[in-house]
Amino acid sequence: MSVVRDLRVLLRLRNFRRLLAVRLLSQCADGVYQVALATYVVFSPEKETSPAAIASAMAVLLLPYSLVGPFAGVLLDRWRRRQVFLYGNLLRALLAAGTAALILASVPDWLFYASALSVTAVNRFVLAGLSAALPRVVDDERLVIANSLSPTAGTLAATLGGGLAFGVRLIADDSDAVVVLLGAVLYLCSALASLRMSRELLGPDPERIQPRLSAALASTARGLVDGLRHLSQRRPAARALAAVTLMRFCYGALFVTVLMLSRYAWGTTQADGLAVLGLAVAASGAGFFAAAVLSPWAVGKLGPFGWMTLCTGSAAVLTPALGLTFARTPFLVAAFMLGLITQGAKIATDTIVQTSVDDAYRGRVFSLYDVLFNVGFVGAAGVAALMLPPNGRSPALVVLVSALYAVLAAFLFRTVRADRVGAADGQG
């Protein structure tokens, strides 16, 4: 199979393997840390969780860095990306250890959120930098398969990290702090793994480097405007980002629904609910893996937008069919399918952005991509807070999500048809 052959070729590329190792360790740590925060907020015995509380936590942790994200992209296009991975992960290890200390000290919630916010802030640099650096270690011919393997492997690593966090929390005393410390150790390992690459390997080009922080910050506003202008001139990338943002909104609304159902409807104890949530995360991770296998073939046959159209159309049908039952088994099936659909669309979007956007602007555009992900997810949590009852059963929310998927599928279908007509006219 060509996919297997391409995978073998990629894994023989030394620098690709090294960048992948940084991603796997970093995102595994993300999975550990994020599950630790989620379970601390949702499943702590002393806390009465509501959709509004979940939405507030997501807003506190994610929205402020929707402002930081674009500036991170400007700096990523001016700082050596290898150094961002090294120092960013070292800083996250230190901050995560501080979060563990705050949990043990039982500090007020606002101080805990401030510490967690600091860790997620650095994440904006690392994730955007990993995507921006990928074309520096892979040729254009294999970029689609690299986008299938690398981000999806990272998502699977995050899922594995989440599974480790669930396991540790179920068996360890003072488990929230222990889980956060596990994340800190993994961040440290990711920082050390980045040292296996040279400082110059991942770009940007030497003439764009601005080693002085003041010089980089002075050009941030101008660079951000240039990045947005560049994106506006790359209509395929702009359309793909808009589509994947709406899909992220839909995924986020269903994620909050699963949290509430796990907490109050699918188990007689909090441990039961936590175990079911772990199964849902594992099912979604299996869907991510399936997307990595299917997407290169699907993109080759249908094109990136054609594959996204099939993904969104399938989600429009499956969401009400499985979600309106509010039963555990159908929701686990839905978690797998939506994992496949969401990750498949993301792989297509990554490829569209990387092939449409010049290297000098990739850091800024991928940071914007990251920001849109956050805004979509937090917006979904806010809508869920308004629509979800305490037990998580809201047919109206499931129908709304299905309708959004359907509208998006129609938009993408029109995009594919317009592109085909334009290509036919050009040949004529």
Protein backbone atom coordinates (compact mmCIF):
# COMPACT_ATOMS: atom_id res chain seq x y z
CA MET A 1 0.00 0.00 0.00
CA SER A 2 1.23 3.51 -0.82
CA VAL A 3 0.30 4.77 2.66
CA VAL A 4 2.43 2.12 4.33
CA ARG A 5 5.28 2.84 1.93
CA ASP A 6 5.11 6.58 2.59
CA LEU A 7 5.00 5.98 6.35
CA ARG A 8 8.14 3.88 6.10
CA VAL A 9 9.87 6.62 4.11
CA LEU A 10 8.85 9.28 6.64
CA LEU A 11 10.05 7.26 9.59
CA ARG A 12 13.43 6.83 7.90
CA LEU A 13 13.85 10.61 7.89
CA ARG A 14 15.94 11.29 10.97
CA ASN A 15 14.84 14.88 11.53
CA PHE A 16 11.18 13.98 11.05
CA ARG A 17 11.53 11.29 13.72
CA ARG A 18 13.15 13.77 16.09
CA LEU A 19 10.46 16.41 15.57
CA LEU A 20 7.83 13.71 16.03
CA ALA A 21 9.42 12.66 19.34
CA VAL A 22 9.15 16.25 20.62
CA ARG A 23 5.49 16.34 19.59
CA LEU A 24 4.63 12.98 21.15
CA LEU A 25 6.18 13.78 24.51
CA SER A 26 4.77 17.32 24.57
CA GLN A 27 1.23 16.29 23.66
CA CYS A 28 1.29 13.30 25.99
CA ALA A 29 2.08 15.78 28.75
CA ASP A 30 -0.77 17.98 27.49
CA GLY A 31 -3.16 15.04 27.79
CA VAL A 32 -2.03 14.32 31.33
CA TYR A 33 -2.29 17.95 32.37
CA GLN A 34 -5.65 18.63 30.71
CA VAL A 35 -7.29 15.55 32.22
CA ALA A 36 -5.87 16.47 35.61
CA LEU A 37 -7.46 19.92 35.34
CA ALA A 38 -10.76 18.57 34.01
CA THR A 39 -11.14 15.94 36.70
CA TYR A 40 -10.12 18.43 39.40
CA VAL A 41 -12.88 20.78 38.23
CA VAL A 42 -15.56 18.21 37.32
CA PHE A 43 -15.00 15.20 39.57
CA SER A 44 -13.65 16.59 42.83
CA PRO A 45 -15.97 15.30 45.58
CA GLU A 46 -16.25 18.71 47.20
CA LYS A 47 -17.35 20.44 43.98
CA GLU A 48 -20.91 20.58 42.59
CA THR A 49 -20.29 20.73 38.87
CA SER A 50 -22.61 22.49 36.42
CA PRO A 51 -22.35 23.30 32.70
CA ALA A 52 -21.83 26.93 33.69
CA ALA A 53 -18.89 25.97 35.93
CA ILE A 54 -17.31 24.00 33.10
CA ALA A 55 -17.81 26.89 30.68
CA SER A 56 -16.29 29.31 33.16
CA ALA A 57 -13.25 27.08 33.65
CA MET A 58 -12.73 26.78 29.90
CA ALA A 59 -13.09 30.51 29.43
CA VAL A 60 -10.56 31.25 32.17
CA LEU A 61 -8.06 28.75 30.79
CA LEU A 62 -8.43 29.44 27.06
CA LEU A 63 -9.93 32.80 26.16
CA PRO A 64 -7.18 35.13 27.46
CA TYR A 65 -4.72 33.39 25.18
CA SER A 66 -6.91 33.97 22.19
CA LEU A 67 -5.34 37.43 22.43
CA VAL A 68 -1.82 36.08 22.91
CA GLY A 69 -2.00 33.52 20.09
CA PRO A 70 -1.51 35.77 17.05
CA PHE A 71 1.41 37.51 18.74
CA ALA A 72 2.93 34.10 19.44
CA GLY A 73 2.75 33.42 15.71
CA VAL A 74 4.64 36.59 14.86
CA LEU A 75 7.38 35.61 17.29
CA LEU A 76 7.46 32.06 15.90
CA ASP A 77 8.31 33.55 12.52
CA ARG A 78 11.21 35.45 14.10
CA TRP A 79 12.60 33.08 16.75
CA ARG A 80 14.33 29.76 16.17
CA ARG A 81 11.56 27.20 16.54
CA ARG A 82 13.90 24.61 18.07
CA GLN A 83 14.62 27.05 20.89
CA VAL A 84 10.88 27.62 21.38
CA PHE A 85 10.43 23.87 21.93
CA LEU A 86 13.36 23.69 24.33
CA TYR A 87 12.63 26.68 26.54
CA GLY A 88 8.85 26.43 26.19
CA ASN A 89 8.75 22.89 27.51
CA LEU A 90 11.24 23.65 30.28
CA LEU A 91 9.01 26.52 31.38
CA ARG A 92 5.91 24.33 31.25
CA ALA A 93 7.59 21.69 33.39
CA LEU A 94 8.35 24.32 36.03
CA LEU A 95 4.87 25.84 35.92
CA ALA A 96 3.15 22.43 36.06
CA ALA A 97 5.16 21.55 39.16
CA GLY A 98 3.92 24.82 40.66
CA THR A 99 0.32 23.87 39.84
CA ALA A 100 0.78 20.57 41.71
CA ALA A 101 2.03 22.48 44.76
CA LEU A 102 -1.04 24.74 44.64
CA ILE A 103 -3.37 21.72 44.52
CA LEU A 104 -1.70 20.25 47.60
CA ALA A 105 -1.98 23.60 49.37
CA SER A 106 -5.74 23.82 48.63
CA VAL A 107 -5.45 27.41 47.46
CA PRO A 108 -8.44 29.47 46.21
CA ASP A 109 -9.69 28.55 42.74
CA TRP A 110 -8.55 31.81 41.13
CA LEU A 111 -4.92 31.12 42.05
CA PHE A 112 -5.15 27.57 40.70
CA TYR A 113 -6.60 28.85 37.42
CA ALA A 114 -3.88 31.49 37.14
CA SER A 115 -1.21 28.80 37.38
CA ALA A 116 -2.97 26.53 34.90
CA LEU A 117 -3.41 29.50 32.57
CA SER A 118 0.34 30.04 32.51
CA VAL A 119 0.92 26.47 31.29
CA THR A 120 -1.67 26.73 28.54
CA ALA A 121 -0.17 30.05 27.45
CA VAL A 122 3.14 28.44 26.54
CA ASN A 123 1.20 25.71 24.75
CA ARG A 124 0.17 28.29 22.14
CA PHE A 125 3.81 28.63 21.07
CA VAL A 126 4.67 24.93 21.07
CA LEU A 127 1.70 23.56 19.12
CA ALA A 128 1.78 26.27 16.48
CA GLY A 129 5.55 25.86 16.15
CA LEU A 130 5.28 22.09 15.65
CA SER A 131 2.92 22.54 12.70
CA ALA A 132 4.92 25.42 11.23
CA ALA A 133 8.16 23.41 11.43
CA LEU A 134 6.84 20.26 9.73
CA PRO A 135 7.51 21.39 6.13
CA ARG A 136 11.16 21.97 7.12
CA VAL A 137 11.70 18.21 7.66
CA VAL A 138 9.36 16.73 5.00
CA ASP A 139 9.19 17.34 1.23
CA ASP A 140 5.99 18.61 -0.40
CA GLU A 141 5.24 15.23 -1.97
CA ARG A 142 4.75 13.58 1.41
CA LEU A 143 3.24 16.51 3.29
CA VAL A 144 -0.27 15.03 3.33
CA ILE A 145 0.90 11.74 4.86
CA ALA A 146 3.10 13.68 7.30
CA ASN A 147 0.05 15.70 8.35
CA SER A 148 -1.81 12.43 8.87
CA LEU A 149 0.92 10.84 10.93
CA SER A 150 2.37 13.71 12.94
CA PRO A 151 -0.61 15.67 14.35
CA THR A 152 -2.69 12.51 14.65
CA ALA A 153 0.11 10.72 16.47
CA GLY A 154 0.30 13.75 18.74
CA THR A 155 -3.43 13.56 19.40
CA LEU A 156 -3.10 9.85 20.16
CA ALA A 157 -0.24 10.68 22.52
CA ALA A 158 -2.50 13.20 24.25
CA THR A 159 -5.17 10.51 24.49
CA LEU A 160 -2.62 8.11 25.98
CA GLY A 161 -1.60 10.82 28.43
CA GLY A 162 -5.25 11.28 29.35
CA GLY A 163 -5.53 7.53 29.94
CA LEU A 164 -2.48 7.59 32.19
CA ALA A 165 -4.02 10.46 34.11
CA PHE A 166 -7.30 8.59 34.57
CA GLY A 167 -5.42 5.51 35.78
CA VAL A 168 -3.25 7.40 38.24
CA ARG A 169 -6.23 9.32 39.60
CA LEU A 170 -8.18 6.14 40.26
CA ILE A 171 -5.39 4.46 42.28
CA ALA A 172 -3.27 7.20 43.90
CA ASP A 173 -3.75 9.30 47.00
CA ASP A 174 -3.47 13.07 46.45
CA SER A 175 -3.94 11.98 42.84
CA ASP A 176 -4.61 15.36 41.24
CA ALA A 177 -1.20 16.64 42.32
CA VAL A 178 0.51 13.38 41.34
CA VAL A 179 -1.03 13.51 37.87
CA VAL A 180 0.08 17.11 37.34
CA LEU A 181 3.63 16.18 38.40
CA LEU A 182 3.58 13.36 35.83
CA GLY A 183 2.77 15.99 33.21
CA ALA A 184 5.69 18.12 34.40
CA VAL A 185 8.10 15.19 33.95
CA LEU A 186 6.85 14.60 30.40
CA TYR A 187 7.28 18.30 29.54
CA LEU A 188 10.87 18.03 30.73
CA CYS A 189 11.44 14.96 28.53
CA SER A 190 10.07 16.85 25.52
CA ALA A 191 12.48 19.72 26.15
CA LEU A 192 15.42 17.32 26.29
CA ALA A 193 14.27 15.58 23.09
CA SER A 194 14.42 18.89 21.18
CA LEU A 195 18.18 19.07 21.84
CA ARG A 196 18.66 16.26 19.31
CA MET A 197 17.97 18.79 16.50
CA SER A 198 20.19 21.68 15.47
CA ARG A 199 19.16 25.22 16.36
CA GLU A 200 18.81 26.25 12.70
CA LEU A 201 16.99 23.17 11.36
CA LEU A 202 13.37 24.16 11.93
CA GLY A 203 13.58 27.76 10.73
CA PRO A 204 12.72 30.44 10.18
CA ASP A 205 15.43 31.45 7.73
CA PRO A 206 18.43 33.24 9.31
CA GLU A 207 17.66 36.63 7.71
CA ARG A 208 14.31 36.69 9.52
CA ILE A 209 15.73 35.96 12.97
CA GLN A 210 15.42 38.81 15.49
CA PRO A 211 17.33 37.68 18.59
CA ARG A 212 16.40 40.75 20.64
CA LEU A 213 12.99 40.51 22.28
CA SER A 214 12.43 44.24 21.96
CA ALA A 215 13.04 44.10 18.20
CA ALA A 216 10.65 41.19 17.77
CA LEU A 217 7.91 42.83 19.83
CA ALA A 218 8.32 46.11 18.01
CA SER A 219 7.42 44.42 14.72
CA THR A 220 4.59 42.29 16.14
CA ALA A 221 1.65 44.48 15.14
CA ARG A 222 2.98 45.02 11.63
CA GLY A 223 3.76 41.33 11.27
CA LEU A 224 0.30 40.34 12.46
CA VAL A 225 -1.38 42.61 9.91
CA ASP A 226 0.88 41.16 7.22
CA GLY A 227 -0.07 37.64 8.27
CA LEU A 228 -3.80 38.38 8.15
CA ARG A 229 -3.40 40.04 4.76
CA HIS A 230 -1.48 37.02 3.49
CA LEU A 231 -4.24 34.70 4.75
CA SER A 232 -6.94 36.81 3.08
CA GLN A 233 -5.11 36.29 -0.22
CA ARG A 234 -5.09 32.50 0.32
CA ARG A 235 -8.82 31.79 0.07
CA PRO A 236 -8.55 27.97 0.35
CA ALA A 237 -6.71 28.32 3.67
CA ALA A 238 -9.21 30.89 4.97
CA ARG A 239 -12.18 28.68 4.04
CA ALA A 240 -10.60 25.62 5.63
CA LEU A 241 -9.89 27.50 8.89
CA ALA A 242 -13.48 28.76 9.05
CA ALA A 243 -14.82 25.24 8.51
CA VAL A 244 -12.60 23.54 11.07
CA THR A 245 -13.46 26.24 13.64
CA LEU A 246 -17.17 25.49 13.31
CA MET A 247 -16.44 21.77 13.59
CA ARG A 248 -14.50 22.50 16.77
CA PHE A 249 -17.55 24.32 18.13
CA CYS A 250 -19.72 21.26 17.46
CA TYR A 251 -17.17 18.93 19.04
CA GLY A 252 -16.89 21.17 22.10
CA ALA A 253 -20.66 21.24 22.67
CA LEU A 254 -20.81 17.46 22.60
CA PHE A 255 -17.73 17.22 24.83
CA VAL A 256 -19.43 19.25 27.58
CA THR A 257 -22.51 17.04 27.16
CA VAL A 258 -20.38 13.92 27.72
CA LEU A 259 -18.78 15.50 30.81
CA MET A 260 -22.16 16.15 32.39
CA LEU A 261 -23.58 12.75 31.46
CA SER A 262 -20.47 11.04 32.87
CA ARG A 263 -20.72 13.04 36.09
CA TYR A 264 -24.43 12.59 36.79
CA ALA A 265 -26.12 10.04 34.48
CA TRP A 266 -23.76 7.19 33.58
CA GLY A 267 -22.53 6.02 36.96
CA THR A 268 -23.70 5.56 40.51
CA THR A 269 -20.42 6.92 41.88
CA GLN A 270 -17.90 9.52 40.75
CA ALA A 271 -15.40 6.72 40.08
CA ASP A 272 -17.90 5.09 37.72
CA GLY A 273 -18.44 8.36 35.88
CA LEU A 274 -14.69 8.94 35.61
CA ALA A 275 -14.23 5.44 34.15
CA VAL A 276 -16.93 6.05 31.52
CA LEU A 277 -15.34 9.37 30.60
CA GLY A 278 -12.05 7.52 30.18
CA LEU A 279 -13.74 5.08 27.79
CA ALA A 280 -15.13 8.00 25.78
CA VAL A 281 -11.66 9.55 25.52
CA ALA A 282 -10.24 6.19 24.42
CA ALA A 283 -12.97 5.77 21.79
CA SER A 284 -12.26 9.24 20.44
CA GLY A 285 -8.54 8.40 20.33
CA ALA A 286 -9.30 5.28 18.29
CA GLY A 287 -11.19 7.54 15.88
CA PHE A 288 -8.12 9.78 15.58
CA PHE A 289 -6.04 6.73 14.66
CA ALA A 290 -8.58 5.67 12.04
CA ALA A 291 -8.44 9.19 10.57
CA ALA A 292 -4.66 8.92 10.23
CA VAL A 293 -5.07 5.73 8.22
CA LEU A 294 -7.99 6.84 6.05
CA SER A 295 -7.21 10.52 5.40
CA PRO A 296 -4.27 10.19 2.98
CA TRP A 297 -6.33 7.87 0.76
CA ALA A 298 -9.47 9.99 1.10
CA VAL A 299 -7.68 13.27 0.36
CA GLY A 300 -6.05 11.64 -2.67
CA LYS A 301 -9.42 10.47 -4.01
CA LEU A 302 -11.68 13.36 -3.00
CA GLY A 303 -9.32 16.28 -2.46
CA PRO A 304 -9.00 18.06 0.90
CA PHE A 305 -12.34 19.88 0.65
CA GLY A 306 -14.10 16.79 -0.67
CA TRP A 307 -12.92 14.81 2.35
CA MET A 308 -14.05 17.59 4.69
CA THR A 309 -17.46 17.56 2.98
CA LEU A 310 -17.83 13.82 3.55
CA CYS A 311 -16.77 14.23 7.19
CA THR A 312 -19.26 17.00 7.97
CA GLY A 313 -22.09 15.32 6.09
CA SER A 314 -21.53 12.09 8.02
CA ALA A 315 -21.49 14.02 11.31
CA ALA A 316 -24.81 15.68 10.45
CA VAL A 317 -26.43 12.24 10.16
CA LEU A 318 -24.65 10.42 13.00
CA THR A 319 -25.00 13.11 15.68
CA PRO A 320 -28.79 12.87 16.11
CA ALA A 321 -28.90 9.14 15.36
CA LEU A 322 -26.53 8.34 18.21
CA GLY A 323 -26.72 11.42 20.44
CA LEU A 324 -30.47 11.68 21.00
CA THR A 325 -30.46 8.36 22.86
CA PHE A 326 -28.31 9.87 25.66
CA ALA A 327 -27.26 6.28 26.37
CA ARG A 328 -23.71 5.29 27.17
CA THR A 329 -23.00 2.81 24.34
CA PRO A 330 -24.32 4.98 21.46
CA PHE A 331 -22.35 7.92 22.83
CA LEU A 332 -19.17 5.81 22.88
CA VAL A 333 -19.79 4.93 19.22
CA ALA A 334 -20.36 8.63 18.53
CA ALA A 335 -17.08 9.46 20.29
CA PHE A 336 -15.23 7.16 17.91
CA MET A 337 -16.97 8.49 14.80
CA LEU A 338 -16.59 12.15 15.76
CA GLY A 339 -12.94 11.54 16.60
CA LEU A 340 -12.44 10.17 13.09
CA ILE A 341 -14.47 12.95 11.47
CA THR A 342 -12.91 15.84 13.42
CA GLN A 343 -9.35 14.62 13.04
CA GLY A 344 -9.87 13.78 9.36
CA ALA A 345 -11.01 17.36 8.71
CA LYS A 346 -8.08 18.70 10.70
CA ILE A 347 -5.59 16.68 8.63
CA ALA A 348 -7.10 18.12 5.45
CA THR A 349 -7.01 21.64 6.91
CA ASP A 350 -3.37 21.32 8.00
CA THR A 351 -2.43 20.29 4.47
CA ILE A 352 -4.40 23.12 2.86
CA VAL A 353 -2.80 25.72 5.14
CA GLN A 354 0.73 24.37 4.76
CA THR A 355 0.53 24.23 0.97
CA SER A 356 -1.28 27.58 0.56
CA VAL A 357 0.68 29.70 3.06
CA ASP A 358 4.29 30.81 2.56
CA ASP A 359 6.85 29.59 5.11
CA ALA A 360 7.49 33.14 6.32
CA TYR A 361 3.85 33.37 7.48
CA ARG A 362 3.15 29.83 8.70
CA GLY A 363 3.85 30.56 12.36
CA ARG A 364 1.33 33.41 12.38
CA VAL A 365 -1.33 31.46 10.51
CA PHE A 366 -0.99 28.36 12.67
CA SER A 367 -1.19 30.51 15.79
CA LEU A 368 -4.40 32.01 14.41
CA TYR A 369 -5.55 28.43 13.73
CA ASP A 370 -4.89 27.59 17.38
CA VAL A 371 -6.78 30.68 18.55
CA LEU A 372 -9.80 29.80 16.42
CA PHE A 373 -9.77 26.32 17.98
CA ASN A 374 -9.90 27.85 21.44
CA VAL A 375 -12.62 30.35 20.61
CA GLY A 376 -14.74 27.65 18.99
CA PHE A 377 -14.36 25.35 21.99
CA VAL A 378 -15.08 28.03 24.60
CA GLY A 379 -18.02 29.33 22.58
CA ALA A 380 -19.44 25.82 22.51
CA ALA A 381 -19.05 25.53 26.28
CA GLY A 382 -20.91 28.82 26.71
CA VAL A 383 -23.80 27.68 24.51
CA ALA A 384 -23.87 24.35 26.34
CA ALA A 385 -24.06 26.19 29.66
CA LEU A 386 -27.21 27.94 28.45
CA MET A 387 -28.86 24.85 26.98
CA LEU A 388 -27.80 21.89 29.12
CA PRO A 389 -29.72 20.85 32.24
CA PRO A 390 -27.65 19.48 35.15
CA ASN A 391 -28.04 15.87 33.96
CA GLY A 392 -26.63 16.70 30.50
CA ARG A 393 -29.72 15.65 28.50
CA SER A 394 -30.57 18.35 25.95
CA PRO A 395 -32.17 17.20 22.67
CA ALA A 396 -32.15 20.83 21.48
CA LEU A 397 -28.35 21.03 21.76
CA VAL A 398 -27.87 17.77 19.84
CA VAL A 399 -30.22 18.97 17.07
CA LEU A 400 -28.40 22.34 16.91
CA VAL A 401 -25.04 20.61 16.49
CA SER A 402 -26.45 18.35 13.78
CA ALA A 403 -27.87 21.38 11.93
CA LEU A 404 -24.51 23.17 12.05
CA TYR A 405 -22.77 20.11 10.61
CA ALA A 406 -25.38 20.01 7.81
CA VAL A 407 -24.96 23.70 6.95
CA LEU A 408 -21.18 23.30 6.89
CA ALA A 409 -21.42 20.22 4.66
CA ALA A 410 -23.55 22.20 2.20
CA PHE A 411 -21.05 25.09 2.19
CA LEU A 412 -18.10 22.77 1.58
CA PHE A 413 -19.98 20.91 -1.16
CA ARG A 414 -20.57 24.20 -2.96
CA THR A 415 -16.87 25.01 -2.56
CA VAL A 416 -15.88 21.69 -4.15
CA ARG A 417 -18.32 22.22 -7.05
CA ALA A 418 -17.10 25.79 -7.63
CA ASP A 419 -13.47 24.62 -7.68
CA ARG A 420 -14.29 21.90 -10.20
CA VAL A 421 -16.16 24.31 -12.45
CA GLY A 422 -13.26 26.77 -12.23
CA ALA A 423 -10.76 24.04 -13.10
CA ALA A 424 -12.90 22.92 -16.07
CA ASP A 425 -13.20 26.52 -17.35
CA GLY A 426 -9.45 26.94 -17.04
CA GLN A 427 -8.80 23.83 -19.11
CA GLY A 428 -11.37 24.93 -21.67
